Amino acid sequence: VGYVLRDGDVIQTGPDSECEVRISDSGILRITENSSVSLSEIIFAASKKTDREAFVMSGSVKAAFKKLPKGETFKVKTETAIAAVRGTKFSVSVEEQGKTRLVVTEGKVIFAPRISKLEEVKNVTEDEKVRERISEIELSGGILVDGGKRAEITPKAKFEAEKSVSNVIVKMED
């Protein structure tokens, strides 16, 4: 209780255990049993925006967020998908076949396939405006999932989305 997590910290829970993480003053992330989750934060100094992320390597998380303050974002990522908070309650789980399942209990969540090429560009560029814009683009191919609904993204869907982005990048380089 009261432990301050730092960028890149990994939380692993065992059987019959959970961990609750407060994300600023906006929400709670509950990491369920037998899960592994890393946390990261990007602060864009010029625009004073903060982009926080939880990467679920295995298991599941439950999130409850009130409306985020202007300039703050929170995303839950898995190997195949990204879910972006819009003031809501939802859960994200990683299944054995690599499928990501989203269940929204209240509010709305943007849900999109995770595009590795975009992340690669974001990680190597030093231009803060480019990094910030890529953070926005990551969700542009997603769907809005309302409360009471569920959705899933499979590794095949991620592959198809990445193939489309790769085709665009190749055309831009020609």
Protein backbone atom coordinates (compact mmCIF):
# COMPACT_ATOMS: atom_id res chain seq x y z
CA VAL A 1 0.00 0.00 0.00
CA GLY A 2 1.31 3.42 -0.94
CA TYR A 3 4.08 2.14 -3.22
CA VAL A 4 4.83 4.58 -6.05
CA LEU A 5 5.24 2.86 -9.41
CA ARG A 6 7.68 4.14 -12.00
CA ASP A 7 7.68 4.07 -15.79
CA GLY A 8 8.38 0.51 -16.95
CA ASP A 9 7.53 -1.24 -13.67
CA VAL A 10 5.94 -4.68 -14.08
CA ILE A 11 3.27 -6.03 -11.74
CA GLN A 12 2.75 -9.78 -11.54
CA THR A 13 -0.07 -11.32 -9.56
CA GLY A 14 -0.31 -14.94 -8.48
CA PRO A 15 -3.27 -17.23 -7.78
CA ASP A 16 -5.97 -15.74 -5.55
CA SER A 17 -4.37 -12.28 -5.58
CA GLU A 18 -5.12 -8.88 -7.09
CA CYS A 19 -3.39 -5.54 -7.22
CA GLU A 20 -5.13 -2.19 -7.39
CA VAL A 21 -3.29 0.76 -8.97
CA ARG A 22 -4.51 4.35 -8.79
CA ILE A 23 -3.93 6.16 -12.07
CA SER A 24 -3.58 9.87 -11.19
CA ASP A 25 -6.85 11.08 -9.67
CA SER A 26 -8.87 9.72 -12.58
CA GLY A 27 -9.17 6.01 -12.09
CA ILE A 28 -8.34 2.63 -10.69
CA LEU A 29 -6.76 -0.28 -12.54
CA ARG A 30 -7.34 -3.67 -10.90
CA ILE A 31 -4.90 -6.33 -12.03
CA THR A 32 -6.56 -9.71 -11.56
CA GLU A 33 -5.00 -13.01 -10.48
CA ASN A 34 -2.31 -14.66 -12.61
CA SER A 35 -1.63 -11.51 -14.62
CA SER A 36 1.46 -9.64 -15.75
CA VAL A 37 1.14 -5.91 -16.55
CA SER A 38 3.69 -3.16 -17.20
CA LEU A 39 2.99 0.55 -16.83
CA SER A 40 4.38 3.47 -18.81
CA GLU A 41 3.94 7.20 -19.05
CA ILE A 42 4.86 9.71 -21.75
CA ILE A 43 4.74 13.40 -20.93
CA PHE A 44 4.67 15.77 -23.90
CA ALA A 45 6.30 18.89 -22.48
CA ALA A 46 5.33 21.31 -25.28
CA SER A 47 1.60 20.52 -25.16
CA LYS A 48 1.52 19.55 -21.48
CA LYS A 49 -0.26 16.29 -22.38
CA THR A 50 0.24 13.00 -20.55
CA ASP A 51 -0.22 9.60 -22.20
CA ARG A 52 -0.34 6.69 -19.71
CA GLU A 53 -0.44 3.04 -20.73
CA ALA A 54 -0.85 -0.37 -19.14
CA PHE A 55 0.49 -3.26 -21.22
CA VAL A 56 -1.21 -6.56 -20.35
CA MET A 57 1.25 -9.33 -21.19
CA SER A 58 -0.98 -12.03 -19.70
CA GLY A 59 -4.14 -12.26 -17.65
CA SER A 60 -6.61 -9.41 -17.34
CA VAL A 61 -7.30 -6.00 -15.88
CA LYS A 62 -10.45 -4.21 -14.80
CA ALA A 63 -10.54 -0.44 -15.10
CA ALA A 64 -12.83 2.20 -13.62
CA PHE A 65 -12.21 5.76 -14.76
CA LYS A 66 -14.10 8.97 -14.41
CA LYS A 67 -13.68 11.52 -17.18
CA LEU A 68 -10.00 12.18 -17.71
CA PRO A 69 -8.74 15.75 -17.37
CA LYS A 70 -8.00 17.64 -20.58
CA GLY A 71 -4.64 16.57 -21.94
CA GLU A 72 -4.59 13.14 -20.27
CA THR A 73 -5.06 9.79 -21.98
CA PHE A 74 -5.02 6.25 -20.66
CA LYS A 75 -4.71 3.16 -22.85
CA VAL A 76 -4.66 -0.54 -22.09
CA LYS A 77 -2.53 -2.40 -24.63
CA THR A 78 -1.99 -6.06 -25.35
CA GLU A 79 0.05 -7.75 -28.06
CA THR A 80 -2.93 -7.49 -30.43
CA ALA A 81 -5.05 -4.51 -29.33
CA ILE A 82 -5.39 -1.06 -27.76
CA ALA A 83 -8.33 0.09 -25.62
CA ALA A 84 -8.58 3.80 -24.84
CA VAL A 85 -10.44 5.15 -21.84
CA ARG A 86 -13.20 7.70 -22.27
CA GLY A 87 -14.54 7.84 -18.69
CA THR A 88 -15.83 4.33 -18.19
CA LYS A 89 -15.70 0.89 -16.59
CA PHE A 90 -14.33 -2.01 -18.61
CA SER A 91 -12.11 -5.08 -18.59
CA VAL A 92 -9.44 -6.31 -20.99
CA SER A 93 -8.17 -9.88 -21.03
CA VAL A 94 -5.54 -11.74 -23.02
CA GLU A 95 -6.60 -15.23 -24.00
CA GLU A 96 -4.33 -18.20 -24.69
CA GLN A 97 -4.56 -17.92 -28.49
CA GLY A 98 -3.41 -14.27 -28.31
CA LYS A 99 -6.92 -12.92 -28.70
CA THR A 100 -7.77 -9.75 -26.75
CA ARG A 101 -11.27 -9.49 -25.31
CA LEU A 102 -12.87 -6.21 -24.21
CA VAL A 103 -16.01 -6.02 -22.06
CA VAL A 104 -17.45 -2.54 -21.42
CA THR A 105 -19.77 -2.37 -18.42
CA GLU A 106 -20.31 1.39 -18.41
CA GLY A 107 -19.46 4.26 -20.77
CA LYS A 108 -17.52 3.92 -24.02
CA VAL A 109 -14.10 2.57 -25.02
CA ILE A 110 -12.24 2.97 -28.31
CA PHE A 111 -10.87 -0.44 -29.33
CA ALA A 112 -8.34 -0.89 -32.14
CA PRO A 113 -5.78 -3.39 -33.45
CA ARG A 114 -2.26 -2.62 -32.22
CA ILE A 115 0.03 -1.52 -35.07
CA SER A 116 3.69 -2.27 -34.28
CA LYS A 117 5.03 -0.10 -37.15
CA LEU A 118 3.43 3.01 -35.61
CA GLU A 119 4.99 2.22 -32.24
CA GLU A 120 8.40 1.70 -33.85
CA VAL A 121 8.25 5.17 -35.41
CA LYS A 122 7.01 6.70 -32.16
CA ASN A 123 9.85 5.10 -30.21
CA VAL A 124 12.68 6.24 -32.52
CA THR A 125 11.62 9.79 -33.33
CA GLU A 126 12.72 12.62 -31.11
CA ASP A 127 10.10 14.99 -32.55
CA GLU A 128 7.55 15.38 -29.77
CA LYS A 129 4.78 16.50 -32.15
CA VAL A 130 5.25 13.37 -34.28
CA ARG A 131 5.12 11.13 -31.20
CA GLU A 132 1.99 12.87 -29.96
CA ARG A 133 0.29 12.58 -33.36
CA ILE A 134 1.12 8.86 -33.59
CA SER A 135 -0.50 8.36 -30.18
CA GLU A 136 -3.69 9.80 -31.68
CA ILE A 137 -3.42 7.83 -34.94
CA GLU A 138 -3.06 4.51 -33.07
CA LEU A 139 -6.78 4.64 -32.31
CA SER A 140 -8.06 6.00 -35.63
CA GLY A 141 -8.79 2.53 -37.04
CA GLY A 142 -10.75 1.46 -33.99
CA ILE A 143 -14.39 1.07 -33.09
CA LEU A 144 -16.35 2.66 -30.28
CA VAL A 145 -17.67 -0.02 -27.91
CA ASP A 146 -20.61 1.05 -25.71
CA GLY A 147 -21.50 -0.11 -22.21
CA GLY A 148 -23.06 -3.57 -22.14
CA LYS A 149 -21.15 -4.63 -25.26
CA ARG A 150 -18.04 -6.71 -25.83
CA ALA A 151 -15.52 -7.01 -28.66
CA GLU A 152 -12.40 -8.96 -29.48
CA ILE A 153 -9.34 -8.60 -31.67
CA THR A 154 -7.53 -11.69 -32.87
CA PRO A 155 -3.91 -12.01 -33.96
CA LYS A 156 -5.22 -12.39 -37.54
CA ALA A 157 -7.07 -9.05 -37.32
CA LYS A 158 -3.90 -7.40 -36.01
CA PHE A 159 -1.90 -8.94 -38.88
CA GLU A 160 -4.39 -7.60 -41.45
CA ALA A 161 -4.28 -4.11 -39.92
CA GLU A 162 -0.47 -4.11 -39.86
CA LYS A 163 -0.37 -5.28 -43.48
CA SER A 164 -2.54 -2.32 -44.51
CA VAL A 165 -0.28 0.14 -42.69
CA SER A 166 2.84 -1.48 -44.20
CA ASN A 167 1.37 -1.03 -47.70
CA VAL A 168 0.82 2.68 -47.02
CA ILE A 169 4.36 3.11 -45.66
CA VAL A 170 5.86 1.39 -48.73
CA LYS A 171 3.84 3.64 -51.08
CA MET A 172 4.99 6.72 -49.17
CA GLU A 173 8.64 5.64 -49.51
CA ASP A 174 8.41 5.06 -53.31
